[in-house]
Amino acid sequence: MEIPYTVKPRPDTGLYNAKLGIWLFLASEVMLFGGLFSAYILLRVSSDLWPHGMVSIPVGTFNTFVLIASSVTVVMSWASLKLGKLSAFKGYMAATIVCALGFLGVKSFEYYAKFTHYDVWFKDEATAKKYFTAAYGEKGEEATRKLFVERFHLHNTKATYDANQIQLTGHLFGNPMFATLKKLTSAKQETIQFTPDAPFGTHDHPKAIEVKLSDVQRLSAYVPAHSTYFAIYFTITALHGLHVLGGAIVLAYFLFTADHWWKKSPEQMANRVEVGGLFWHFVDLVWIFLFPIIYLL
């Protein structure tokens, strides 16, 4: 028994079944990501301080171009089927999958960097000032002021930066050696080595310092528990990454079963690829919104 309207459009909607189904599915996806974007906006506008410069703009820009390129290749793969060029379809679809894997590879690199980059909060102002001076020398206060101003946006007009604020929070930005992470699992460890970040646009090279764990109030990698910013960052980007992975699996299925479906029903195969392409365009569109709010604003 042949399933109706897999090729020809339905008389009531003007769409074949799969295309109608994907539009309904994408409507639910819009509501899903719309809720997350709304949550992000509410968290952002209600925060006096918001991190800035915590993700790499060049890396995000590169990934944006990768996804845009994949949107072009997936359209070309569908157009190749409509023109009866199966070999061209395979080439364009393979390029789309490579772009998807490349995007996920870059994202995993970003995630790794976040999980190996640490912030340390000291137990009091005097302790923080001691370590700032040890790391930056006489320019300790000036350097930490620059880092604070560059890393945070002041959205509340009542919130102003003061020279003591960075000391009172005891917040030092640092990047430990990877070997240190293994030492952190030892209960007998008493110190950890940090190489603090240099302020953006400067050529300062802060000294590596030994920090006593007894002086640390909190030590956190850039994981979701670190702050509201990283909680929303990982939630949205990870969900988007799962969509990229799911889309890549579907497109790979189209590629590896192309010969079979081409012999059985070329028009139905072209419709399937069109539906997969619509989902892929949605994934790309979500990233177009994600990139500016996470990386640029």
C-alpha atoms as a PDB file:
ATOM      1  CA  MET A   1       0.000   0.000   0.000  1.00  0.00           C
ATOM      2  CA  GLU A   2       1.448   3.333  -1.070  1.00  0.00           C
ATOM      3  CA  ILE A   3       1.383   6.229   1.389  1.00  0.00           C
ATOM      4  CA  PRO A   4      -0.407   9.199  -0.229  1.00  0.00           C
ATOM      5  CA  TYR A   5       1.024  12.682  -0.628  1.00  0.00           C
ATOM      6  CA  THR A   6       4.703  11.760  -0.222  1.00  0.00           C
ATOM      7  CA  VAL A   7       5.432  13.369  -3.587  1.00  0.00           C
ATOM      8  CA  LYS A   8       2.381  15.272  -4.722  1.00  0.00           C
ATOM      9  CA  PRO A   9       0.994  18.085  -2.520  1.00  0.00           C
ATOM     10  CA  ARG A  10      -2.184  17.679  -0.530  1.00  0.00           C
ATOM     11  CA  PRO A  11      -5.187  19.489  -2.051  1.00  0.00           C
ATOM     12  CA  ASP A  12      -6.108  21.118   1.298  1.00  0.00           C
ATOM     13  CA  THR A  13      -2.689  22.505   2.287  1.00  0.00           C
ATOM     14  CA  GLY A  14      -0.773  22.653  -0.971  1.00  0.00           C
ATOM     15  CA  LEU A  15       2.120  20.807   0.725  1.00  0.00           C
ATOM     16  CA  TYR A  16       3.174  17.179   0.714  1.00  0.00           C
ATOM     17  CA  ASN A  17       2.934  15.448   4.100  1.00  0.00           C
ATOM     18  CA  ALA A  18       6.599  15.643   5.115  1.00  0.00           C
ATOM     19  CA  LYS A  19       6.853  19.345   4.368  1.00  0.00           C
ATOM     20  CA  LEU A  20       3.727  20.092   6.385  1.00  0.00           C
ATOM     21  CA  GLY A  21       5.109  17.998   9.241  1.00  0.00           C
ATOM     22  CA  ILE A  22       8.482  19.739   9.300  1.00  0.00           C
ATOM     23  CA  TRP A  23       6.869  23.185   9.416  1.00  0.00           C
ATOM     24  CA  LEU A  24       4.767  22.117  12.418  1.00  0.00           C
ATOM     25  CA  PHE A  25       7.872  20.689  14.082  1.00  0.00           C
ATOM     26  CA  LEU A  26       9.868  23.864  13.436  1.00  0.00           C
ATOM     27  CA  ALA A  27       7.057  25.894  15.004  1.00  0.00           C
ATOM     28  CA  SER A  28       7.575  23.946  18.244  1.00  0.00           C
ATOM     29  CA  GLU A  29      11.332  24.497  17.960  1.00  0.00           C
ATOM     30  CA  VAL A  30      10.785  28.244  17.664  1.00  0.00           C
ATOM     31  CA  MET A  31       8.857  28.149  20.939  1.00  0.00           C
ATOM     32  CA  LEU A  32      11.641  26.133  22.596  1.00  0.00           C
ATOM     33  CA  PHE A  33      14.461  28.474  21.635  1.00  0.00           C
ATOM     34  CA  GLY A  34      12.193  31.494  22.037  1.00  0.00           C
ATOM     35  CA  GLY A  35      11.754  30.611  25.703  1.00  0.00           C
ATOM     36  CA  LEU A  36      15.499  30.289  26.185  1.00  0.00           C
ATOM     37  CA  PHE A  37      16.218  33.583  24.433  1.00  0.00           C
ATOM     38  CA  SER A  38      13.574  35.275  26.561  1.00  0.00           C
ATOM     39  CA  ALA A  39      15.192  33.859  29.718  1.00  0.00           C
ATOM     40  CA  TYR A  40      18.564  35.155  28.548  1.00  0.00           C
ATOM     41  CA  ILE A  41      17.162  38.666  27.978  1.00  0.00           C
ATOM     42  CA  LEU A  42      15.521  38.778  31.412  1.00  0.00           C
ATOM     43  CA  LEU A  43      18.697  37.595  33.134  1.00  0.00           C
ATOM     44  CA  ARG A  44      20.814  40.045  31.194  1.00  0.00           C
ATOM     45  CA  VAL A  45      18.757  43.177  31.795  1.00  0.00           C
ATOM     46  CA  SER A  46      18.303  42.403  35.492  1.00  0.00           C
ATOM     47  CA  SER A  47      22.039  42.016  36.121  1.00  0.00           C
ATOM     48  CA  ASP A  48      24.187  44.951  37.212  1.00  0.00           C
ATOM     49  CA  LEU A  49      27.365  43.219  36.039  1.00  0.00           C
ATOM     50  CA  TRP A  50      27.598  40.997  32.982  1.00  0.00           C
ATOM     51  CA  PRO A  51      30.763  39.185  31.787  1.00  0.00           C
ATOM     52  CA  HIS A  52      32.299  40.286  28.531  1.00  0.00           C
ATOM     53  CA  GLY A  53      35.182  38.873  26.536  1.00  0.00           C
ATOM     54  CA  MET A  54      34.802  35.405  28.049  1.00  0.00           C
ATOM     55  CA  VAL A  55      34.447  33.743  24.634  1.00  0.00           C
ATOM     56  CA  SER A  56      36.560  34.116  21.513  1.00  0.00           C
ATOM     57  CA  ILE A  57      34.962  36.304  18.826  1.00  0.00           C
ATOM     58  CA  PRO A  58      37.272  35.024  16.017  1.00  0.00           C
ATOM     59  CA  VAL A  59      36.373  31.414  16.870  1.00  0.00           C
ATOM     60  CA  GLY A  60      32.659  32.233  16.951  1.00  0.00           C
ATOM     61  CA  THR A  61      32.946  34.127  13.658  1.00  0.00           C
ATOM     62  CA  PHE A  62      34.683  31.183  12.022  1.00  0.00           C
ATOM     63  CA  ASN A  63      31.932  28.832  13.174  1.00  0.00           C
ATOM     64  CA  THR A  64      29.320  31.237  11.819  1.00  0.00           C
ATOM     65  CA  PHE A  65      30.864  31.122   8.358  1.00  0.00           C
ATOM     66  CA  VAL A  66      31.066  27.319   8.582  1.00  0.00           C
ATOM     67  CA  LEU A  67      27.311  27.069   9.185  1.00  0.00           C
ATOM     68  CA  ILE A  68      26.506  29.619   6.475  1.00  0.00           C
ATOM     69  CA  ALA A  69      28.588  27.570   4.034  1.00  0.00           C
ATOM     70  CA  SER A  70      26.702  24.432   5.073  1.00  0.00           C
ATOM     71  CA  SER A  71      23.378  26.142   4.289  1.00  0.00           C
ATOM     72  CA  VAL A  72      24.617  26.821   0.771  1.00  0.00           C
ATOM     73  CA  THR A  73      25.834  23.258   0.212  1.00  0.00           C
ATOM     74  CA  VAL A  74      22.616  21.674   1.503  1.00  0.00           C
ATOM     75  CA  VAL A  75      20.594  23.774  -0.977  1.00  0.00           C
ATOM     76  CA  MET A  76      22.963  22.765  -3.763  1.00  0.00           C
ATOM     77  CA  SER A  77      22.532  19.112  -2.843  1.00  0.00           C
ATOM     78  CA  TRP A  78      18.745  19.401  -3.179  1.00  0.00           C
ATOM     79  CA  ALA A  79      19.055  21.348  -6.446  1.00  0.00           C
ATOM     80  CA  SER A  80      21.361  18.637  -7.807  1.00  0.00           C
ATOM     81  CA  LEU A  81      18.668  16.025  -7.192  1.00  0.00           C
ATOM     82  CA  LYS A  82      16.071  18.153  -8.977  1.00  0.00           C
ATOM     83  CA  LEU A  83      18.462  18.357 -11.936  1.00  0.00           C
ATOM     84  CA  GLY A  84      19.005  14.588 -11.896  1.00  0.00           C
ATOM     85  CA  LYS A  85      22.683  14.806 -10.839  1.00  0.00           C
ATOM     86  CA  LEU A  86      23.143  12.150  -8.154  1.00  0.00           C
ATOM     87  CA  SER A  87      26.945  12.393  -8.004  1.00  0.00           C
ATOM     88  CA  ALA A  88      26.781  16.170  -7.482  1.00  0.00           C
ATOM     89  CA  PHE A  89      24.236  15.597  -4.702  1.00  0.00           C
ATOM     90  CA  LYS A  90      26.652  13.279  -2.928  1.00  0.00           C
ATOM     91  CA  GLY A  91      29.468  15.811  -3.116  1.00  0.00           C
ATOM     92  CA  TYR A  92      27.417  18.709  -1.769  1.00  0.00           C
ATOM     93  CA  MET A  93      25.831  16.596   0.959  1.00  0.00           C
ATOM     94  CA  ALA A  94      29.232  15.301   2.045  1.00  0.00           C
ATOM     95  CA  ALA A  95      30.452  18.910   2.240  1.00  0.00           C
ATOM     96  CA  THR A  96      27.465  19.793   4.428  1.00  0.00           C
ATOM     97  CA  ILE A  97      28.255  16.962   6.832  1.00  0.00           C
ATOM     98  CA  VAL A  98      31.929  17.979   6.968  1.00  0.00           C
ATOM     99  CA  CYS A  99      30.864  21.522   7.885  1.00  0.00           C
ATOM    100  CA  ALA A 100      28.614  20.150  10.639  1.00  0.00           C
ATOM    101  CA  LEU A 101      31.423  18.055  12.084  1.00  0.00           C
ATOM    102  CA  GLY A 102      33.796  21.003  11.802  1.00  0.00           C
ATOM    103  CA  PHE A 103      31.364  23.199  13.731  1.00  0.00           C
ATOM    104  CA  LEU A 104      31.061  20.610  16.501  1.00  0.00           C
ATOM    105  CA  GLY A 105      34.829  20.163  16.604  1.00  0.00           C
ATOM    106  CA  VAL A 106      35.386  23.883  17.117  1.00  0.00           C
ATOM    107  CA  LYS A 107      32.661  23.929  19.785  1.00  0.00           C
ATOM    108  CA  SER A 108      34.339  21.087  21.666  1.00  0.00           C
ATOM    109  CA  PHE A 109      37.592  23.083  21.564  1.00  0.00           C
ATOM    110  CA  GLU A 110      35.754  26.046  23.109  1.00  0.00           C
ATOM    111  CA  TYR A 111      34.202  23.866  25.804  1.00  0.00           C
ATOM    112  CA  TYR A 112      37.576  22.360  26.669  1.00  0.00           C
ATOM    113  CA  ALA A 113      39.035  25.846  27.097  1.00  0.00           C
ATOM    114  CA  LYS A 114      36.220  26.771  29.488  1.00  0.00           C
ATOM    115  CA  PHE A 115      36.624  23.663  31.628  1.00  0.00           C
ATOM    116  CA  THR A 116      40.373  24.287  32.014  1.00  0.00           C
ATOM    117  CA  HIS A 117      40.203  28.028  32.747  1.00  0.00           C
ATOM    118  CA  TYR A 118      39.762  28.967  36.388  1.00  0.00           C
ATOM    119  CA  ASP A 119      38.715  31.898  38.520  1.00  0.00           C
ATOM    120  CA  VAL A 120      39.720  32.186  42.155  1.00  0.00           C
ATOM    121  CA  TRP A 121      38.016  34.230  44.849  1.00  0.00           C
ATOM    122  CA  PHE A 122      40.182  35.062  47.872  1.00  0.00           C
ATOM    123  CA  LYS A 123      38.893  35.023  51.426  1.00  0.00           C
ATOM    124  CA  ASP A 124      39.403  38.727  52.127  1.00  0.00           C
ATOM    125  CA  GLU A 125      40.629  42.032  50.696  1.00  0.00           C
ATOM    126  CA  ALA A 126      44.111  41.916  52.216  1.00  0.00           C
ATOM    127  CA  THR A 127      44.778  38.455  50.798  1.00  0.00           C
ATOM    128  CA  ALA A 128      43.555  39.459  47.354  1.00  0.00           C
ATOM    129  CA  LYS A 129      45.733  42.571  47.332  1.00  0.00           C
ATOM    130  CA  LYS A 130      48.771  40.486  48.288  1.00  0.00           C
ATOM    131  CA  TYR A 131      48.338  38.167  45.323  1.00  0.00           C
ATOM    132  CA  PHE A 132      47.504  40.963  42.876  1.00  0.00           C
ATOM    133  CA  THR A 133      50.738  42.696  43.836  1.00  0.00           C
ATOM    134  CA  ALA A 134      52.698  39.452  43.519  1.00  0.00           C
ATOM    135  CA  ALA A 135      51.311  38.849  40.024  1.00  0.00           C
ATOM    136  CA  TYR A 136      51.388  42.357  38.550  1.00  0.00           C
ATOM    137  CA  GLY A 137      53.957  44.139  40.697  1.00  0.00           C
ATOM    138  CA  GLU A 138      53.377  47.816  41.402  1.00  0.00           C
ATOM    139  CA  LYS A 139      50.761  47.937  38.615  1.00  0.00           C
ATOM    140  CA  GLY A 140      48.596  45.384  40.411  1.00  0.00           C
ATOM    141  CA  GLU A 141      45.665  47.693  41.073  1.00  0.00           C
ATOM    142  CA  GLU A 142      45.790  49.312  37.614  1.00  0.00           C
ATOM    143  CA  ALA A 143      45.992  45.946  35.845  1.00  0.00           C
ATOM    144  CA  THR A 144      43.119  44.418  37.767  1.00  0.00           C
ATOM    145  CA  ARG A 145      41.050  47.557  37.160  1.00  0.00           C
ATOM    146  CA  LYS A 146      41.533  47.104  33.396  1.00  0.00           C
ATOM    147  CA  LEU A 147      40.583  43.443  33.592  1.00  0.00           C
ATOM    148  CA  PHE A 148      37.474  44.239  35.579  1.00  0.00           C
ATOM    149  CA  VAL A 149      36.290  46.980  33.227  1.00  0.00           C
ATOM    150  CA  GLU A 150      36.994  44.894  30.117  1.00  0.00           C
ATOM    151  CA  ARG A 151      35.402  41.707  31.423  1.00  0.00           C
ATOM    152  CA  PHE A 152      32.161  43.262  32.696  1.00  0.00           C
ATOM    153  CA  HIS A 153      29.446  45.560  31.387  1.00  0.00           C
ATOM    154  CA  LEU A 154      27.875  47.948  33.890  1.00  0.00           C
ATOM    155  CA  HIS A 155      24.188  47.975  32.953  1.00  0.00           C
ATOM    156  CA  ASN A 156      22.837  49.555  36.109  1.00  0.00           C
ATOM    157  CA  THR A 157      23.571  53.290  36.114  1.00  0.00           C
ATOM    158  CA  LYS A 158      23.956  53.146  39.892  1.00  0.00           C
ATOM    159  CA  ALA A 159      26.739  50.573  39.619  1.00  0.00           C
ATOM    160  CA  THR A 160      30.136  52.213  39.328  1.00  0.00           C
ATOM    161  CA  TYR A 161      33.621  50.762  39.439  1.00  0.00           C
ATOM    162  CA  ASP A 162      35.693  51.631  42.467  1.00  0.00           C
ATOM    163  CA  ALA A 163      39.341  50.845  43.132  1.00  0.00           C
ATOM    164  CA  ASN A 164      38.457  48.652  46.104  1.00  0.00           C
ATOM    165  CA  GLN A 165      35.715  46.676  44.380  1.00  0.00           C
ATOM    166  CA  ILE A 166      38.062  44.269  42.668  1.00  0.00           C
ATOM    167  CA  GLN A 167      39.912  43.787  45.948  1.00  0.00           C
ATOM    168  CA  LEU A 168      36.756  43.335  47.986  1.00  0.00           C
ATOM    169  CA  THR A 169      35.490  40.638  45.644  1.00  0.00           C
ATOM    170  CA  GLY A 170      38.946  39.080  45.627  1.00  0.00           C
ATOM    171  CA  HIS A 171      38.475  38.027  42.013  1.00  0.00           C
ATOM    172  CA  LEU A 172      41.611  37.100  40.069  1.00  0.00           C
ATOM    173  CA  PHE A 173      41.367  35.843  36.514  1.00  0.00           C
ATOM    174  CA  GLY A 174      43.786  32.998  35.909  1.00  0.00           C
ATOM    175  CA  ASN A 175      44.670  30.125  33.638  1.00  0.00           C
ATOM    176  CA  PRO A 176      46.305  27.175  35.427  1.00  0.00           C
ATOM    177  CA  MET A 177      48.514  24.592  33.809  1.00  0.00           C
ATOM    178  CA  PHE A 178      46.644  21.429  32.839  1.00  0.00           C
ATOM    179  CA  ALA A 179      48.828  19.350  35.166  1.00  0.00           C
ATOM    180  CA  THR A 180      47.531  21.415  38.059  1.00  0.00           C
ATOM    181  CA  LEU A 181      44.025  20.071  37.465  1.00  0.00           C
ATOM    182  CA  LYS A 182      45.191  16.580  38.348  1.00  0.00           C
ATOM    183  CA  LYS A 183      46.854  17.857  41.526  1.00  0.00           C
ATOM    184  CA  LEU A 184      43.571  19.424  42.592  1.00  0.00           C
ATOM    185  CA  THR A 185      42.192  15.937  43.197  1.00  0.00           C
ATOM    186  CA  SER A 186      44.755  15.404  45.949  1.00  0.00           C
ATOM    187  CA  ALA A 187      43.553  16.201  49.459  1.00  0.00           C
ATOM    188  CA  LYS A 188      47.135  16.842  50.550  1.00  0.00           C
ATOM    189  CA  GLN A 189      47.755  19.623  48.048  1.00  0.00           C
ATOM    190  CA  GLU A 190      48.328  23.003  49.691  1.00  0.00           C
ATOM    191  CA  THR A 191      49.020  25.305  46.712  1.00  0.00           C
ATOM    192  CA  ILE A 192      48.061  25.780  43.091  1.00  0.00           C
ATOM    193  CA  GLN A 193      50.005  27.654  40.432  1.00  0.00           C
ATOM    194  CA  PHE A 194      48.216  30.390  38.482  1.00  0.00           C
ATOM    195  CA  THR A 195      49.321  32.459  35.511  1.00  0.00           C
ATOM    196  CA  PRO A 196      46.945  35.456  35.603  1.00  0.00           C
ATOM    197  CA  ASP A 197      45.600  36.984  32.407  1.00  0.00           C
ATOM    198  CA  ALA A 198      47.130  40.130  30.993  1.00  0.00           C
ATOM    199  CA  PRO A 199      44.730  43.050  30.399  1.00  0.00           C
ATOM    200  CA  PHE A 200      43.521  43.211  26.785  1.00  0.00           C
ATOM    201  CA  GLY A 201      45.544  45.473  24.526  1.00  0.00           C
ATOM    202  CA  THR A 202      48.610  45.399  26.754  1.00  0.00           C
ATOM    203  CA  HIS A 203      51.928  43.604  26.602  1.00  0.00           C
ATOM    204  CA  ASP A 204      52.125  42.964  30.326  1.00  0.00           C
ATOM    205  CA  HIS A 205      53.187  39.473  31.282  1.00  0.00           C
ATOM    206  CA  PRO A 206      52.015  38.706  34.812  1.00  0.00           C
ATOM    207  CA  LYS A 207      54.172  36.363  36.824  1.00  0.00           C
ATOM    208  CA  ALA A 208      53.038  32.863  37.665  1.00  0.00           C
ATOM    209  CA  ILE A 209      52.143  32.791  41.345  1.00  0.00           C
ATOM    210  CA  GLU A 210      51.677  30.098  43.952  1.00  0.00           C
ATOM    211  CA  VAL A 211      48.289  30.442  45.612  1.00  0.00           C
ATOM    212  CA  LYS A 212      47.677  28.789  48.965  1.00  0.00           C
ATOM    213  CA  LEU A 213      44.395  26.915  48.972  1.00  0.00           C
ATOM    214  CA  SER A 214      43.864  28.091  52.535  1.00  0.00           C
ATOM    215  CA  ASP A 215      43.623  31.654  51.150  1.00  0.00           C
ATOM    216  CA  VAL A 216      40.974  30.672  48.587  1.00  0.00           C
ATOM    217  CA  GLN A 217      37.290  31.123  49.326  1.00  0.00           C
ATOM    218  CA  ARG A 218      36.109  29.670  46.028  1.00  0.00           C
ATOM    219  CA  LEU A 219      37.839  28.087  43.030  1.00  0.00           C
ATOM    220  CA  SER A 220      35.759  27.507  39.903  1.00  0.00           C
ATOM    221  CA  ALA A 221      36.339  26.577  36.293  1.00  0.00           C
ATOM    222  CA  TYR A 222      34.174  28.268  33.652  1.00  0.00           C
ATOM    223  CA  VAL A 223      31.424  25.677  34.038  1.00  0.00           C
ATOM    224  CA  PRO A 224      27.651  26.234  34.379  1.00  0.00           C
ATOM    225  CA  ALA A 225      27.977  26.491  38.170  1.00  0.00           C
ATOM    226  CA  HIS A 226      30.466  29.351  37.800  1.00  0.00           C
ATOM    227  CA  SER A 227      27.895  32.058  37.096  1.00  0.00           C
ATOM    228  CA  THR A 228      24.561  32.868  35.476  1.00  0.00           C
ATOM    229  CA  TYR A 229      26.413  33.812  32.292  1.00  0.00           C
ATOM    230  CA  PHE A 230      28.013  30.396  31.861  1.00  0.00           C
ATOM    231  CA  ALA A 231      24.819  28.599  32.912  1.00  0.00           C
ATOM    232  CA  ILE A 232      22.886  30.201  30.046  1.00  0.00           C
ATOM    233  CA  TYR A 233      25.893  29.911  27.692  1.00  0.00           C
ATOM    234  CA  PHE A 234      26.191  26.152  28.116  1.00  0.00           C
ATOM    235  CA  THR A 235      22.426  25.561  28.117  1.00  0.00           C
ATOM    236  CA  ILE A 236      21.752  27.318  24.821  1.00  0.00           C
ATOM    237  CA  THR A 237      24.923  26.373  22.946  1.00  0.00           C
ATOM    238  CA  ALA A 238      24.761  22.720  24.051  1.00  0.00           C
ATOM    239  CA  LEU A 239      21.119  22.431  22.978  1.00  0.00           C
ATOM    240  CA  HIS A 240      22.003  24.000  19.645  1.00  0.00           C
ATOM    241  CA  GLY A 241      24.950  21.608  19.328  1.00  0.00           C
ATOM    242  CA  LEU A 242      22.618  18.640  19.839  1.00  0.00           C
ATOM    243  CA  HIS A 243      20.463  19.962  17.000  1.00  0.00           C
ATOM    244  CA  VAL A 244      23.537  20.208  14.779  1.00  0.00           C
ATOM    245  CA  LEU A 245      24.485  16.631  15.644  1.00  0.00           C
ATOM    246  CA  GLY A 246      20.952  15.353  15.025  1.00  0.00           C
ATOM    247  CA  GLY A 247      20.738  17.165  11.703  1.00  0.00           C
ATOM    248  CA  ALA A 248      24.121  15.790  10.638  1.00  0.00           C
ATOM    249  CA  ILE A 249      22.985  12.225  11.397  1.00  0.00           C
ATOM    250  CA  VAL A 250      19.846  12.648   9.269  1.00  0.00           C
ATOM    251  CA  LEU A 251      21.805  14.169   6.389  1.00  0.00           C
ATOM    252  CA  ALA A 252      24.355  11.362   6.623  1.00  0.00           C
ATOM    253  CA  TYR A 253      21.504   8.857   6.308  1.00  0.00           C
ATOM    254  CA  PHE A 254      20.365  10.593   3.112  1.00  0.00           C
ATOM    255  CA  LEU A 255      23.904  10.414   1.757  1.00  0.00           C
ATOM    256  CA  PHE A 256      24.545   6.735   2.515  1.00  0.00           C
ATOM    257  CA  THR A 257      21.139   5.535   1.260  1.00  0.00           C
ATOM    258  CA  ALA A 258      21.128   7.781  -1.812  1.00  0.00           C
ATOM    259  CA  ASP A 259      21.588   5.005  -4.371  1.00  0.00           C
ATOM    260  CA  HIS A 260      18.701   2.970  -2.984  1.00  0.00           C
ATOM    261  CA  TRP A 261      16.206   5.836  -2.829  1.00  0.00           C
ATOM    262  CA  TRP A 262      17.322   7.252  -6.178  1.00  0.00           C
ATOM    263  CA  LYS A 263      16.392   3.977  -7.878  1.00  0.00           C
ATOM    264  CA  LYS A 264      13.149   3.602  -5.948  1.00  0.00           C
ATOM    265  CA  SER A 265      11.702   7.142  -6.101  1.00  0.00           C
ATOM    266  CA  PRO A 266      13.858  10.130  -7.131  1.00  0.00           C
ATOM    267  CA  GLU A 267      11.102  12.660  -6.420  1.00  0.00           C
ATOM    268  CA  GLN A 268      10.420  11.310  -2.945  1.00  0.00           C
ATOM    269  CA  MET A 269      14.142  11.357  -2.217  1.00  0.00           C
ATOM    270  CA  ALA A 270      14.350  15.002  -3.308  1.00  0.00           C
ATOM    271  CA  ASN A 271      11.446  15.821  -0.988  1.00  0.00           C
ATOM    272  CA  ARG A 272      13.179  14.113   1.930  1.00  0.00           C
ATOM    273  CA  VAL A 273      16.337  16.107   1.335  1.00  0.00           C
ATOM    274  CA  GLU A 274      14.288  19.308   1.117  1.00  0.00           C
ATOM    275  CA  VAL A 275      12.708  18.572   4.498  1.00  0.00           C
ATOM    276  CA  GLY A 276      16.123  17.823   6.015  1.00  0.00           C
ATOM    277  CA  GLY A 277      17.418  21.046   4.483  1.00  0.00           C
ATOM    278  CA  LEU A 278      14.624  23.074   6.086  1.00  0.00           C
ATOM    279  CA  PHE A 279      15.617  21.755   9.499  1.00  0.00           C
ATOM    280  CA  TRP A 280      19.256  22.533   8.743  1.00  0.00           C
ATOM    281  CA  HIS A 281      18.386  26.120   7.779  1.00  0.00           C
ATOM    282  CA  PHE A 282      16.573  26.493  11.102  1.00  0.00           C
ATOM    283  CA  VAL A 283      19.663  25.280  12.973  1.00  0.00           C
ATOM    284  CA  ASP A 284      21.752  27.828  11.098  1.00  0.00           C
ATOM    285  CA  LEU A 285      19.242  30.598  11.790  1.00  0.00           C
ATOM    286  CA  VAL A 286      19.318  29.899  15.536  1.00  0.00           C
ATOM    287  CA  TRP A 287      23.100  30.306  15.485  1.00  0.00           C
ATOM    288  CA  ILE A 288      22.776  33.609  13.623  1.00  0.00           C
ATOM    289  CA  PHE A 289      20.848  34.885  16.665  1.00  0.00           C
ATOM    290  CA  LEU A 290      23.109  33.121  19.178  1.00  0.00           C
ATOM    291  CA  PHE A 291      26.371  34.486  17.825  1.00  0.00           C
ATOM    292  CA  PRO A 292      25.740  38.199  18.447  1.00  0.00           C
ATOM    293  CA  ILE A 293      24.113  37.885  21.878  1.00  0.00           C
ATOM    294  CA  ILE A 294      26.727  35.454  23.254  1.00  0.00           C
ATOM    295  CA  TYR A 295      29.879  36.633  21.524  1.00  0.00           C
ATOM    296  CA  LEU A 296      29.367  40.300  20.598  1.00  0.00           C
ATOM    297  CA  LEU A 297      26.970  41.971  23.061  1.00  0.00           C
END
